[in-house]
Amino acid sequence: MADQNPRITVEKNPSQDRLDELKIKSWPKWGCSPGKYHLKYEAEEICYIVKGKVKVYPKSSSTTGASSSGSSSLDAEVEWCVEFGAGDIVTFPQGLSCTWDVSLPVDKHYIFRHN
């Protein structure tokens, strides 16, 4: 059941009760302009996207030598991404390395949780 891709979770359009429960308005704010940003998460991050649009491309960690087929070169070429934007709560796992491809300027509230 090991997942080779880190789990980025996106909660679309959470209710106001959910936002209040997390106390999002008390979290620090951060923003960026359109562009590509390479990030490594030293702790879990939960963020609420106030505005913006992003595609995140996780770096695959192909350190496991077990391959069930001869198509490992094809697997290495496949890129997947997670898309999110204004109104979403997004959780990034600790240890994740990724590239943010920001198409619309981002403003977000965020909090880090150390495990």
PDB file of N, CA and C in Angstrom:
ATOM      1  N   MET A   1       0.819  -1.200   0.000  1.00  0.00           N
ATOM      2  CA  MET A   1       0.000   0.000   0.000  1.00  0.00           C
ATOM      3  C   MET A   1       0.862   1.263   0.000  1.00  0.00           C
ATOM      4  N   ALA A   2       2.165   1.105  -0.155  1.00  0.00           N
ATOM      5  CA  ALA A   2       3.047   2.271  -0.197  1.00  0.00           C
ATOM      6  C   ALA A   2       2.752   3.087  -1.451  1.00  0.00           C
ATOM      7  N   ASP A   3       2.663   4.393  -1.280  1.00  0.00           N
ATOM      8  CA  ASP A   3       2.350   5.283  -2.380  1.00  0.00           C
ATOM      9  C   ASP A   3       3.645   5.939  -2.842  1.00  0.00           C
ATOM     10  N   GLN A   4       3.987   5.798  -4.112  1.00  0.00           N
ATOM     11  CA  GLN A   4       5.234   6.374  -4.586  1.00  0.00           C
ATOM     12  C   GLN A   4       5.141   7.884  -4.725  1.00  0.00           C
ATOM     13  N   ASN A   5       3.945   8.435  -4.778  1.00  0.00           N
ATOM     14  CA  ASN A   5       3.762   9.883  -4.895  1.00  0.00           C
ATOM     15  C   ASN A   5       3.259  10.442  -3.575  1.00  0.00           C
ATOM     16  N   PRO A   6       3.908  11.521  -3.101  1.00  0.00           N
ATOM     17  CA  PRO A   6       3.433  12.136  -1.858  1.00  0.00           C
ATOM     18  C   PRO A   6       2.012  12.645  -2.051  1.00  0.00           C
ATOM     19  N   ARG A   7       1.233  12.613  -1.021  1.00  0.00           N
ATOM     20  CA  ARG A   7      -0.168  13.010  -1.129  1.00  0.00           C
ATOM     21  C   ARG A   7      -0.349  14.494  -0.827  1.00  0.00           C
ATOM     22  N   ILE A   8      -0.738  15.207  -1.856  1.00  0.00           N
ATOM     23  CA  ILE A   8      -1.159  16.595  -1.716  1.00  0.00           C
ATOM     24  C   ILE A   8      -2.674  16.534  -1.718  1.00  0.00           C
ATOM     25  N   THR A   9      -3.302  17.053  -0.674  1.00  0.00           N
ATOM     26  CA  THR A   9      -4.760  17.008  -0.631  1.00  0.00           C
ATOM     27  C   THR A   9      -5.325  18.405  -0.873  1.00  0.00           C
ATOM     28  N   VAL A  10      -6.415  18.442  -1.617  1.00  0.00           N
ATOM     29  CA  VAL A  10      -7.089  19.704  -1.925  1.00  0.00           C
ATOM     30  C   VAL A  10      -8.535  19.587  -1.468  1.00  0.00           C
ATOM     31  N   GLU A  11      -8.927  20.516  -0.618  1.00  0.00           N
ATOM     32  CA  GLU A  11     -10.307  20.586  -0.133  1.00  0.00           C
ATOM     33  C   GLU A  11     -10.958  21.767  -0.859  1.00  0.00           C
ATOM     34  N   LYS A  12     -11.830  21.450  -1.816  1.00  0.00           N
ATOM     35  CA  LYS A  12     -12.462  22.478  -2.651  1.00  0.00           C
ATOM     36  C   LYS A  12     -13.595  23.184  -1.902  1.00  0.00           C
ATOM     37  N   ASN A  13     -13.595  24.498  -1.963  1.00  0.00           N
ATOM     38  CA  ASN A  13     -14.674  25.329  -1.414  1.00  0.00           C
ATOM     39  C   ASN A  13     -15.153  24.897  -0.030  1.00  0.00           C
ATOM     40  N   PRO A  14     -14.270  24.923   0.978  1.00  0.00           N
ATOM     41  CA  PRO A  14     -14.703  24.556   2.331  1.00  0.00           C
ATOM     42  C   PRO A  14     -15.731  25.547   2.870  1.00  0.00           C
ATOM     43  N   SER A  15     -16.542  25.071   3.781  1.00  0.00           N
ATOM     44  CA  SER A  15     -17.583  25.927   4.373  1.00  0.00           C
ATOM     45  C   SER A  15     -16.947  26.979   5.284  1.00  0.00           C
ATOM     46  N   GLN A  16     -17.695  28.013   5.571  1.00  0.00           N
ATOM     47  CA  GLN A  16     -17.219  29.044   6.497  1.00  0.00           C
ATOM     48  C   GLN A  16     -16.969  28.435   7.874  1.00  0.00           C
ATOM     49  N   ASP A  17     -17.798  27.469   8.279  1.00  0.00           N
ATOM     50  CA  ASP A  17     -17.582  26.782   9.559  1.00  0.00           C
ATOM     51  C   ASP A  17     -16.221  26.095   9.585  1.00  0.00           C
ATOM     52  N   ARG A  18     -15.847  25.467   8.472  1.00  0.00           N
ATOM     53  CA  ARG A  18     -14.542  24.787   8.377  1.00  0.00           C
ATOM     54  C   ARG A  18     -13.398  25.804   8.481  1.00  0.00           C
ATOM     55  N   LEU A  19     -13.542  26.932   7.793  1.00  0.00           N
ATOM     56  CA  LEU A  19     -12.514  27.981   7.859  1.00  0.00           C
ATOM     57  C   LEU A  19     -12.381  28.526   9.276  1.00  0.00           C
ATOM     58  N   ASP A  20     -13.517  28.722   9.944  1.00  0.00           N
ATOM     59  CA  ASP A  20     -13.504  29.210  11.329  1.00  0.00           C
ATOM     60  C   ASP A  20     -12.872  28.184  12.261  1.00  0.00           C
ATOM     61  N   GLU A  21     -13.186  26.909  12.045  1.00  0.00           N
ATOM     62  CA  GLU A  21     -12.644  25.820  12.868  1.00  0.00           C
ATOM     63  C   GLU A  21     -11.110  25.807  12.799  1.00  0.00           C
ATOM     64  N   LEU A  22     -10.557  26.044  11.611  1.00  0.00           N
ATOM     65  CA  LEU A  22      -9.101  26.047  11.436  1.00  0.00           C
ATOM     66  C   LEU A  22      -8.455  27.367  11.857  1.00  0.00           C
ATOM     67  N   LYS A  23      -9.282  28.392  12.112  1.00  0.00           N
ATOM     68  CA  LYS A  23      -8.803  29.733  12.493  1.00  0.00           C
ATOM     69  C   LYS A  23      -7.854  30.294  11.439  1.00  0.00           C
ATOM     70  N   ILE A  24      -8.236  30.126  10.185  1.00  0.00           N
ATOM     71  CA  ILE A  24      -7.388  30.498   9.052  1.00  0.00           C
ATOM     72  C   ILE A  24      -7.007  31.975   9.066  1.00  0.00           C
ATOM     73  N   LYS A  25      -7.907  32.851   9.479  1.00  0.00           N
ATOM     74  CA  LYS A  25      -7.603  34.281   9.448  1.00  0.00           C
ATOM     75  C   LYS A  25      -6.494  34.672  10.425  1.00  0.00           C
ATOM     76  N   SER A  26      -6.179  33.791  11.374  1.00  0.00           N
ATOM     77  CA  SER A  26      -5.091  34.077  12.314  1.00  0.00           C
ATOM     78  C   SER A  26      -3.733  33.590  11.781  1.00  0.00           C
ATOM     79  N   TRP A  27      -3.744  32.849  10.679  1.00  0.00           N
ATOM     80  CA  TRP A  27      -2.496  32.334  10.097  1.00  0.00           C
ATOM     81  C   TRP A  27      -1.755  33.450   9.359  1.00  0.00           C
ATOM     82  N   PRO A  28      -0.433  33.334   9.254  1.00  0.00           N
ATOM     83  CA  PRO A  28       0.325  34.312   8.461  1.00  0.00           C
ATOM     84  C   PRO A  28      -0.110  34.278   7.002  1.00  0.00           C
ATOM     85  N   LYS A  29       0.191  35.362   6.286  1.00  0.00           N
ATOM     86  CA  LYS A  29      -0.121  35.430   4.853  1.00  0.00           C
ATOM     87  C   LYS A  29       1.171  35.410   4.043  1.00  0.00           C
ATOM     88  N   TRP A  30       1.058  34.926   2.819  1.00  0.00           N
ATOM     89  CA  TRP A  30       2.176  34.884   1.881  1.00  0.00           C
ATOM     90  C   TRP A  30       1.617  35.055   0.488  1.00  0.00           C
ATOM     91  N   GLY A  31       2.383  35.633  -0.385  1.00  0.00           N
ATOM     92  CA  GLY A  31       1.944  35.792  -1.757  1.00  0.00           C
ATOM     93  C   GLY A  31       3.100  35.709  -2.727  1.00  0.00           C
ATOM     94  N   CYS A  32       2.781  35.475  -3.998  1.00  0.00           N
ATOM     95  CA  CYS A  32       3.800  35.447  -5.036  1.00  0.00           C
ATOM     96  C   CYS A  32       3.177  35.817  -6.367  1.00  0.00           C
ATOM     97  N   SER A  33       4.017  36.239  -7.274  1.00  0.00           N
ATOM     98  CA  SER A  33       3.573  36.585  -8.626  1.00  0.00           C
ATOM     99  C   SER A  33       3.679  35.358  -9.522  1.00  0.00           C
ATOM    100  N   PRO A  34       3.114  35.419 -10.727  1.00  0.00           N
ATOM    101  CA  PRO A  34       3.216  34.276 -11.635  1.00  0.00           C
ATOM    102  C   PRO A  34       4.672  33.896 -11.904  1.00  0.00           C
ATOM    103  N   GLY A  35       4.908  32.610 -12.057  1.00  0.00           N
ATOM    104  CA  GLY A  35       6.249  32.097 -12.305  1.00  0.00           C
ATOM    105  C   GLY A  35       6.361  30.674 -11.802  1.00  0.00           C
ATOM    106  N   LYS A  36       7.580  30.143 -11.832  1.00  0.00           N
ATOM    107  CA  LYS A  36       7.837  28.785 -11.347  1.00  0.00           C
ATOM    108  C   LYS A  36       8.726  28.863 -10.114  1.00  0.00           C
ATOM    109  N   TYR A  37       8.335  28.126  -9.081  1.00  0.00           N
ATOM    110  CA  TYR A  37       9.036  28.139  -7.802  1.00  0.00           C
ATOM    111  C   TYR A  37       9.324  26.703  -7.377  1.00  0.00           C
ATOM    112  N   HIS A  38      10.570  26.415  -7.031  1.00  0.00           N
ATOM    113  CA  HIS A  38      10.957  25.086  -6.561  1.00  0.00           C
ATOM    114  C   HIS A  38      10.937  25.102  -5.042  1.00  0.00           C
ATOM    115  N   LEU A  39      10.160  24.190  -4.447  1.00  0.00           N
ATOM    116  CA  LEU A  39       9.983  24.174  -2.994  1.00  0.00           C
ATOM    117  C   LEU A  39      10.258  22.792  -2.417  1.00  0.00           C
ATOM    118  N   LYS A  40      10.744  22.780  -1.177  1.00  0.00           N
ATOM    119  CA  LYS A  40      10.911  21.541  -0.409  1.00  0.00           C
ATOM    120  C   LYS A  40      10.273  21.796   0.949  1.00  0.00           C
ATOM    121  N   TYR A  41       9.341  20.929   1.327  1.00  0.00           N
ATOM    122  CA  TYR A  41       8.599  21.098   2.580  1.00  0.00           C
ATOM    123  C   TYR A  41       9.296  20.366   3.711  1.00  0.00           C
ATOM    124  N   GLU A  42       9.849  21.134   4.657  1.00  0.00           N
ATOM    125  CA  GLU A  42      10.521  20.558   5.824  1.00  0.00           C
ATOM    126  C   GLU A  42       9.505  20.169   6.900  1.00  0.00           C
ATOM    127  N   ALA A  43       8.276  20.654   6.745  1.00  0.00           N
ATOM    128  CA  ALA A  43       7.178  20.340   7.657  1.00  0.00           C
ATOM    129  C   ALA A  43       5.907  20.291   6.819  1.00  0.00           C
ATOM    130  N   GLU A  44       4.871  19.666   7.378  1.00  0.00           N
ATOM    131  CA  GLU A  44       3.580  19.687   6.691  1.00  0.00           C
ATOM    132  C   GLU A  44       3.077  21.132   6.632  1.00  0.00           C
ATOM    133  N   GLU A  45       2.544  21.526   5.490  1.00  0.00           N
ATOM    134  CA  GLU A  45       1.939  22.851   5.370  1.00  0.00           C
ATOM    135  C   GLU A  45       0.480  22.708   4.987  1.00  0.00           C
ATOM    136  N   ILE A  46      -0.355  23.470   5.677  1.00  0.00           N
ATOM    137  CA  ILE A  46      -1.761  23.605   5.295  1.00  0.00           C
ATOM    138  C   ILE A  46      -1.929  25.060   4.899  1.00  0.00           C
ATOM    139  N   CYS A  47      -2.541  25.280   3.736  1.00  0.00           N
ATOM    140  CA  CYS A  47      -2.751  26.663   3.319  1.00  0.00           C
ATOM    141  C   CYS A  47      -4.149  26.840   2.746  1.00  0.00           C
ATOM    142  N   TYR A  48      -4.614  28.063   2.855  1.00  0.00           N
ATOM    143  CA  TYR A  48      -5.895  28.451   2.285  1.00  0.00           C
ATOM    144  C   TYR A  48      -5.605  29.487   1.209  1.00  0.00           C
ATOM    145  N   ILE A  49      -5.982  29.185  -0.010  1.00  0.00           N
ATOM    146  CA  ILE A  49      -5.706  30.063  -1.140  1.00  0.00           C
ATOM    147  C   ILE A  49      -6.783  31.142  -1.209  1.00  0.00           C
ATOM    148  N   VAL A  50      -6.397  32.386  -0.948  1.00  0.00           N
ATOM    149  CA  VAL A  50      -7.323  33.515  -1.001  1.00  0.00           C
ATOM    150  C   VAL A  50      -7.560  33.909  -2.456  1.00  0.00           C
ATOM    151  N   LYS A  51      -6.460  33.970  -3.218  1.00  0.00           N
ATOM    152  CA  LYS A  51      -6.588  34.233  -4.653  1.00  0.00           C
ATOM    153  C   LYS A  51      -5.423  33.581  -5.369  1.00  0.00           C
ATOM    154  N   GLY A  52      -5.627  33.323  -6.662  1.00  0.00           N
ATOM    155  CA  GLY A  52      -4.560  32.760  -7.470  1.00  0.00           C
ATOM    156  C   GLY A  52      -4.934  31.436  -8.102  1.00  0.00           C
ATOM    157  N   LYS A  53      -4.030  30.941  -8.932  1.00  0.00           N
ATOM    158  CA  LYS A  53      -4.207  29.655  -9.588  1.00  0.00           C
ATOM    159  C   LYS A  53      -2.832  29.008  -9.740  1.00  0.00           C
ATOM    160  N   VAL A  54      -2.740  27.718  -9.343  1.00  0.00           N
ATOM    161  CA  VAL A  54      -1.452  27.036  -9.278  1.00  0.00           C
ATOM    162  C   VAL A  54      -1.572  25.607  -9.786  1.00  0.00           C
ATOM    163  N   LYS A  55      -0.523  25.149 -10.458  1.00  0.00           N
ATOM    164  CA  LYS A  55      -0.316  23.727 -10.743  1.00  0.00           C
ATOM    165  C   LYS A  55       0.963  23.349 -10.021  1.00  0.00           C
ATOM    166  N   VAL A  56       0.908  22.284  -9.225  1.00  0.00           N
ATOM    167  CA  VAL A  56       2.087  21.814  -8.501  1.00  0.00           C
ATOM    168  C   VAL A  56       2.521  20.489  -9.109  1.00  0.00           C
ATOM    169  N   TYR A  57       3.803  20.425  -9.449  1.00  0.00           N
ATOM    170  CA  TYR A  57       4.398  19.216 -10.023  1.00  0.00           C
ATOM    171  C   TYR A  57       5.343  18.607  -8.990  1.00  0.00           C
ATOM    172  N   PRO A  58       4.899  17.541  -8.289  1.00  0.00           N
ATOM    173  CA  PRO A  58       5.781  16.883  -7.327  1.00  0.00           C
ATOM    174  C   PRO A  58       6.938  16.203  -8.053  1.00  0.00           C
ATOM    175  N   LYS A  59       8.108  16.222  -7.399  1.00  0.00           N
ATOM    176  CA  LYS A  59       9.245  15.478  -7.941  1.00  0.00           C
ATOM    177  C   LYS A  59       9.070  14.034  -7.538  1.00  0.00           C
ATOM    178  N   SER A  60       9.090  13.138  -8.510  1.00  0.00           N
ATOM    179  CA  SER A  60       8.908  11.723  -8.191  1.00  0.00           C
ATOM    180  C   SER A  60      10.168  11.194  -7.538  1.00  0.00           C
ATOM    181  N   SER A  61       9.971  10.375  -6.524  1.00  0.00           N
ATOM    182  CA  SER A  61      11.107   9.768  -5.841  1.00  0.00           C
ATOM    183  C   SER A  61      11.182   8.319  -6.270  1.00  0.00           C
ATOM    184  N   SER A  62      11.936   8.054  -7.309  1.00  0.00           N
ATOM    185  CA  SER A  62      12.049   6.695  -7.827  1.00  0.00           C
ATOM    186  C   SER A  62      13.276   6.009  -7.244  1.00  0.00           C
ATOM    187  N   THR A  63      13.311   5.962  -5.911  1.00  0.00           N
ATOM    188  CA  THR A  63      14.440   5.327  -5.245  1.00  0.00           C
ATOM    189  C   THR A  63      14.185   3.848  -5.006  1.00  0.00           C
ATOM    190  N   THR A  64      12.964   3.401  -5.212  1.00  0.00           N
ATOM    191  CA  THR A  64      12.684   1.978  -5.052  1.00  0.00           C
ATOM    192  C   THR A  64      13.087   1.275  -6.333  1.00  0.00           C
ATOM    193  N   GLY A  65      13.904   0.239  -6.231  1.00  0.00           N
ATOM    194  CA  GLY A  65      14.404  -0.458  -7.397  1.00  0.00           C
ATOM    195  C   GLY A  65      13.427  -1.478  -7.942  1.00  0.00           C
ATOM    196  N   ALA A  66      12.305  -1.675  -7.287  1.00  0.00           N
ATOM    197  CA  ALA A  66      11.354  -2.695  -7.711  1.00  0.00           C
ATOM    198  C   ALA A  66      10.488  -2.158  -8.843  1.00  0.00           C
ATOM    199  N   SER A  67      10.607  -2.784  -9.990  1.00  0.00           N
ATOM    200  CA  SER A  67       9.777  -2.402 -11.133  1.00  0.00           C
ATOM    201  C   SER A  67       9.094  -3.651 -11.633  1.00  0.00           C
ATOM    202  N   SER A  68       7.784  -3.586 -11.809  1.00  0.00           N
ATOM    203  CA  SER A  68       7.037  -4.773 -12.221  1.00  0.00           C
ATOM    204  C   SER A  68       6.973  -4.900 -13.729  1.00  0.00           C
ATOM    205  N   SER A  69       7.475  -3.902 -14.452  1.00  0.00           N
ATOM    206  CA  SER A  69       7.457  -3.983 -15.904  1.00  0.00           C
ATOM    207  C   SER A  69       8.711  -3.348 -16.463  1.00  0.00           C
ATOM    208  N   GLY A  70       8.915  -3.514 -17.750  1.00  0.00           N
ATOM    209  CA  GLY A  70      10.081  -2.939 -18.385  1.00  0.00           C
ATOM    210  C   GLY A  70       9.841  -1.527 -18.868  1.00  0.00           C
ATOM    211  N   SER A  71       8.814  -0.859 -18.392  1.00  0.00           N
ATOM    212  CA  SER A  71       8.464   0.468 -18.896  1.00  0.00           C
ATOM    213  C   SER A  71       8.916   1.574 -17.954  1.00  0.00           C
ATOM    214  N   SER A  72      10.003   1.349 -17.219  1.00  0.00           N
ATOM    215  CA  SER A  72      10.432   2.347 -16.249  1.00  0.00           C
ATOM    216  C   SER A  72      10.823   3.661 -16.925  1.00  0.00           C
ATOM    217  N   SER A  73      11.375   3.608 -18.158  1.00  0.00           N
ATOM    218  CA  SER A  73      11.718   4.859 -18.832  1.00  0.00           C
ATOM    219  C   SER A  73      10.452   5.642 -19.174  1.00  0.00           C
ATOM    220  N   LEU A  74       9.381   4.948 -19.541  1.00  0.00           N
ATOM    221  CA  LEU A  74       8.115   5.615 -19.821  1.00  0.00           C
ATOM    222  C   LEU A  74       7.552   6.227 -18.543  1.00  0.00           C
ATOM    223  N   ASP A  75       7.613   5.476 -17.428  1.00  0.00           N
ATOM    224  CA  ASP A  75       7.103   5.987 -16.156  1.00  0.00           C
ATOM    225  C   ASP A  75       7.827   7.262 -15.749  1.00  0.00           C
ATOM    226  N   ALA A  76       9.137   7.324 -16.011  1.00  0.00           N
ATOM    227  CA  ALA A  76       9.920   8.498 -15.619  1.00  0.00           C
ATOM    228  C   ALA A  76       9.499   9.731 -16.416  1.00  0.00           C
ATOM    229  N   GLU A  77       8.966   9.529 -17.622  1.00  0.00           N
ATOM    230  CA  GLU A  77       8.574  10.659 -18.450  1.00  0.00           C
ATOM    231  C   GLU A  77       7.206  11.213 -18.078  1.00  0.00           C
ATOM    232  N   VAL A  78       6.397  10.432 -17.378  1.00  0.00           N
ATOM    233  CA  VAL A  78       5.038  10.852 -17.052  1.00  0.00           C
ATOM    234  C   VAL A  78       5.089  11.868 -15.915  1.00  0.00           C
ATOM    235  N   GLU A  79       4.565  13.059 -16.166  1.00  0.00           N
ATOM    236  CA  GLU A  79       4.483  14.085 -15.137  1.00  0.00           C
ATOM    237  C   GLU A  79       3.037  14.248 -14.736  1.00  0.00           C
ATOM    238  N   TRP A  80       2.792  14.313 -13.460  1.00  0.00           N
ATOM    239  CA  TRP A  80       1.437  14.569 -12.995  1.00  0.00           C
ATOM    240  C   TRP A  80       1.470  15.835 -12.159  1.00  0.00           C
ATOM    241  N   CYS A  81       0.327  16.457 -12.019  1.00  0.00           N
ATOM    242  CA  CYS A  81       0.272  17.684 -11.243  1.00  0.00           C
ATOM    243  C   CYS A  81      -1.030  17.739 -10.455  1.00  0.00           C
ATOM    244  N   VAL A  82      -1.021  18.629  -9.492  1.00  0.00           N
ATOM    245  CA  VAL A  82      -2.206  18.908  -8.681  1.00  0.00           C
ATOM    246  C   VAL A  82      -2.540  20.371  -8.930  1.00  0.00           C
ATOM    247  N   GLU A  83      -3.796  20.635  -9.290  1.00  0.00           N
ATOM    248  CA  GLU A  83      -4.238  22.005  -9.557  1.00  0.00           C
ATOM    249  C   GLU A  83      -5.141  22.500  -8.439  1.00  0.00           C
ATOM    250  N   PHE A  84      -4.979  23.774  -8.092  1.00  0.00           N
ATOM    251  CA  PHE A  84      -5.852  24.382  -7.088  1.00  0.00           C
ATOM    252  C   PHE A  84      -5.856  25.881  -7.282  1.00  0.00           C
ATOM    253  N   GLY A  85      -6.789  26.533  -6.602  1.00  0.00           N
ATOM    254  CA  GLY A  85      -6.899  27.980  -6.741  1.00  0.00           C
ATOM    255  C   GLY A  85      -7.695  28.594  -5.616  1.00  0.00           C
ATOM    256  N   ALA A  86      -8.162  29.801  -5.867  1.00  0.00           N
ATOM    257  CA  ALA A  86      -8.873  30.584  -4.853  1.00  0.00           C
ATOM    258  C   ALA A  86     -10.000  29.772  -4.225  1.00  0.00           C
ATOM    259  N   GLY A  87     -10.056  29.808  -2.889  1.00  0.00           N
ATOM    260  CA  GLY A  87     -11.112  29.123  -2.153  1.00  0.00           C
ATOM    261  C   GLY A  87     -10.765  27.719  -1.709  1.00  0.00           C
ATOM    262  N   ASP A  88      -9.582  27.216  -2.069  1.00  0.00           N
ATOM    263  CA  ASP A  88      -9.199  25.841  -1.720  1.00  0.00           C
ATOM    264  C   ASP A  88      -8.288  25.804  -0.493  1.00  0.00           C
ATOM    265  N   ILE A  89      -8.433  24.741   0.302  1.00  0.00           N
ATOM    266  CA  ILE A  89      -7.485  24.414   1.365  1.00  0.00           C
ATOM    267  C   ILE A  89      -6.606  23.302   0.814  1.00  0.00           C
ATOM    268  N   VAL A  90      -5.289  23.489   0.889  1.00  0.00           N
ATOM    269  CA  VAL A  90      -4.352  22.519   0.335  1.00  0.00           C
ATOM    270  C   VAL A  90      -3.380  22.091   1.422  1.00  0.00           C
ATOM    271  N   THR A  91      -3.118  20.780   1.508  1.00  0.00           N
ATOM    272  CA  THR A  91      -2.163  20.243   2.474  1.00  0.00           C
ATOM    273  C   THR A  91      -1.011  19.600   1.724  1.00  0.00           C
ATOM    274  N   PHE A  92       0.206  20.035   2.070  1.00  0.00           N
ATOM    275  CA  PHE A  92       1.433  19.497   1.485  1.00  0.00           C
ATOM    276  C   PHE A  92       2.153  18.675   2.541  1.00  0.00           C
ATOM    277  N   PRO A  93       2.531  17.433   2.229  1.00  0.00           N
ATOM    278  CA  PRO A  93       3.180  16.588   3.230  1.00  0.00           C
ATOM    279  C   PRO A  93       4.635  16.983   3.474  1.00  0.00           C
ATOM    280  N   GLN A  94       5.095  16.727   4.683  1.00  0.00           N
ATOM    281  CA  GLN A  94       6.491  16.938   5.036  1.00  0.00           C
ATOM    282  C   GLN A  94       7.372  16.094   4.120  1.00  0.00           C
ATOM    283  N   GLY A  95       8.478  16.675   3.657  1.00  0.00           N
ATOM    284  CA  GLY A  95       9.414  15.958   2.805  1.00  0.00           C
ATOM    285  C   GLY A  95       9.165  16.115   1.317  1.00  0.00           C
ATOM    286  N   LEU A  96       8.056  16.727   0.933  1.00  0.00           N
ATOM    287  CA  LEU A  96       7.712  16.889  -0.478  1.00  0.00           C
ATOM    288  C   LEU A  96       8.646  17.897  -1.148  1.00  0.00           C
ATOM    289  N   SER A  97       9.158  17.544  -2.313  1.00  0.00           N
ATOM    290  CA  SER A  97       9.856  18.479  -3.196  1.00  0.00           C
ATOM    291  C   SER A  97       8.967  18.654  -4.415  1.00  0.00           C
ATOM    292  N   CYS A  98       8.787  19.895  -4.848  1.00  0.00           N
ATOM    293  CA  CYS A  98       7.881  20.134  -5.965  1.00  0.00           C
ATOM    294  C   CYS A  98       8.195  21.452  -6.642  1.00  0.00           C
ATOM    295  N   THR A  99       7.530  21.671  -7.760  1.00  0.00           N
ATOM    296  CA  THR A  99       7.594  22.941  -8.471  1.00  0.00           C
ATOM    297  C   THR A  99       6.189  23.522  -8.526  1.00  0.00           C
ATOM    298  N   TRP A 100       6.070  24.753  -8.057  1.00  0.00           N
ATOM    299  CA  TRP A 100       4.817  25.489  -8.190  1.00  0.00           C
ATOM    300  C   TRP A 100       4.871  26.233  -9.516  1.00  0.00           C
ATOM    301  N   ASP A 101       3.876  26.022 -10.369  1.00  0.00           N
ATOM    302  CA  ASP A 101       3.720  26.771 -11.613  1.00  0.00           C
ATOM    303  C   ASP A 101       2.521  27.685 -11.398  1.00  0.00           C
ATOM    304  N   VAL A 102       2.797  28.938 -11.084  1.00  0.00           N
ATOM    305  CA  VAL A 102       1.763  29.906 -10.712  1.00  0.00           C
ATOM    306  C   VAL A 102       1.326  30.672 -11.953  1.00  0.00           C
ATOM    307  N   SER A 103       0.053  30.529 -12.333  1.00  0.00           N
ATOM    308  CA  SER A 103      -0.456  31.227 -13.523  1.00  0.00           C
ATOM    309  C   SER A 103      -1.162  32.538 -13.174  1.00  0.00           C
ATOM    310  N   LEU A 104      -1.753  32.625 -11.967  1.00  0.00           N
ATOM    311  CA  LEU A 104      -2.359  33.863 -11.477  1.00  0.00           C
ATOM    312  C   LEU A 104      -1.755  34.167 -10.116  1.00  0.00           C
ATOM    313  N   PRO A 105      -1.449  35.443  -9.810  1.00  0.00           N
ATOM    314  CA  PRO A 105      -0.805  35.793  -8.541  1.00  0.00           C
ATOM    315  C   PRO A 105      -1.518  35.160  -7.344  1.00  0.00           C
ATOM    316  N   VAL A 106      -0.716  34.670  -6.402  1.00  0.00           N
ATOM    317  CA  VAL A 106      -1.237  33.940  -5.241  1.00  0.00           C
ATOM    318  C   VAL A 106      -1.159  34.784  -3.980  1.00  0.00           C
ATOM    319  N   ASP A 107      -2.240  34.755  -3.211  1.00  0.00           N
ATOM    320  CA  ASP A 107      -2.272  35.196  -1.816  1.00  0.00           C
ATOM    321  C   ASP A 107      -2.818  34.023  -1.036  1.00  0.00           C
ATOM    322  N   LYS A 108      -2.164  33.692   0.068  1.00  0.00           N
ATOM    323  CA  LYS A 108      -2.629  32.554   0.861  1.00  0.00           C
ATOM    324  C   LYS A 108      -2.348  32.791   2.332  1.00  0.00           C
ATOM    325  N   HIS A 109      -3.134  32.120   3.169  1.00  0.00           N
ATOM    326  CA  HIS A 109      -2.863  31.961   4.589  1.00  0.00           C
ATOM    327  C   HIS A 109      -2.238  30.585   4.736  1.00  0.00           C
ATOM    328  N   TYR A 110      -1.275  30.430   5.647  1.00  0.00           N
ATOM    329  CA  TYR A 110      -0.606  29.141   5.782  1.00  0.00           C
ATOM    330  C   TYR A 110      -0.205  28.879   7.226  1.00  0.00           C
ATOM    331  N   ILE A 111       0.005  27.592   7.504  1.00  0.00           N
ATOM    332  CA  ILE A 111       0.522  27.169   8.805  1.00  0.00           C
ATOM    333  C   ILE A 111       1.363  25.918   8.576  1.00  0.00           C
ATOM    334  N   PHE A 112       2.473  25.804   9.330  1.00  0.00           N
ATOM    335  CA  PHE A 112       3.313  24.611   9.266  1.00  0.00           C
ATOM    336  C   PHE A 112       3.078  23.761  10.506  1.00  0.00           C
ATOM    337  N   ARG A 113       3.043  22.462  10.299  1.00  0.00           N
ATOM    338  CA  ARG A 113       2.901  21.503  11.413  1.00  0.00           C
ATOM    339  C   ARG A 113       4.086  20.563  11.366  1.00  0.00           C
ATOM    340  N   HIS A 114       4.871  20.563  12.427  1.00  0.00           N
ATOM    341  CA  HIS A 114       6.035  19.684  12.512  1.00  0.00           C
ATOM    342  C   HIS A 114       5.611  18.364  13.152  1.00  0.00           C
ATOM    343  N   ASN A 115       5.993  17.276  12.500  1.00  0.00           N
ATOM    344  CA  ASN A 115       5.632  15.943  13.028  1.00  0.00           C
ATOM    345  C   ASN A 115       6.647  15.453  14.022  1.00  0.00           C
TER     346      ASN A 115
END
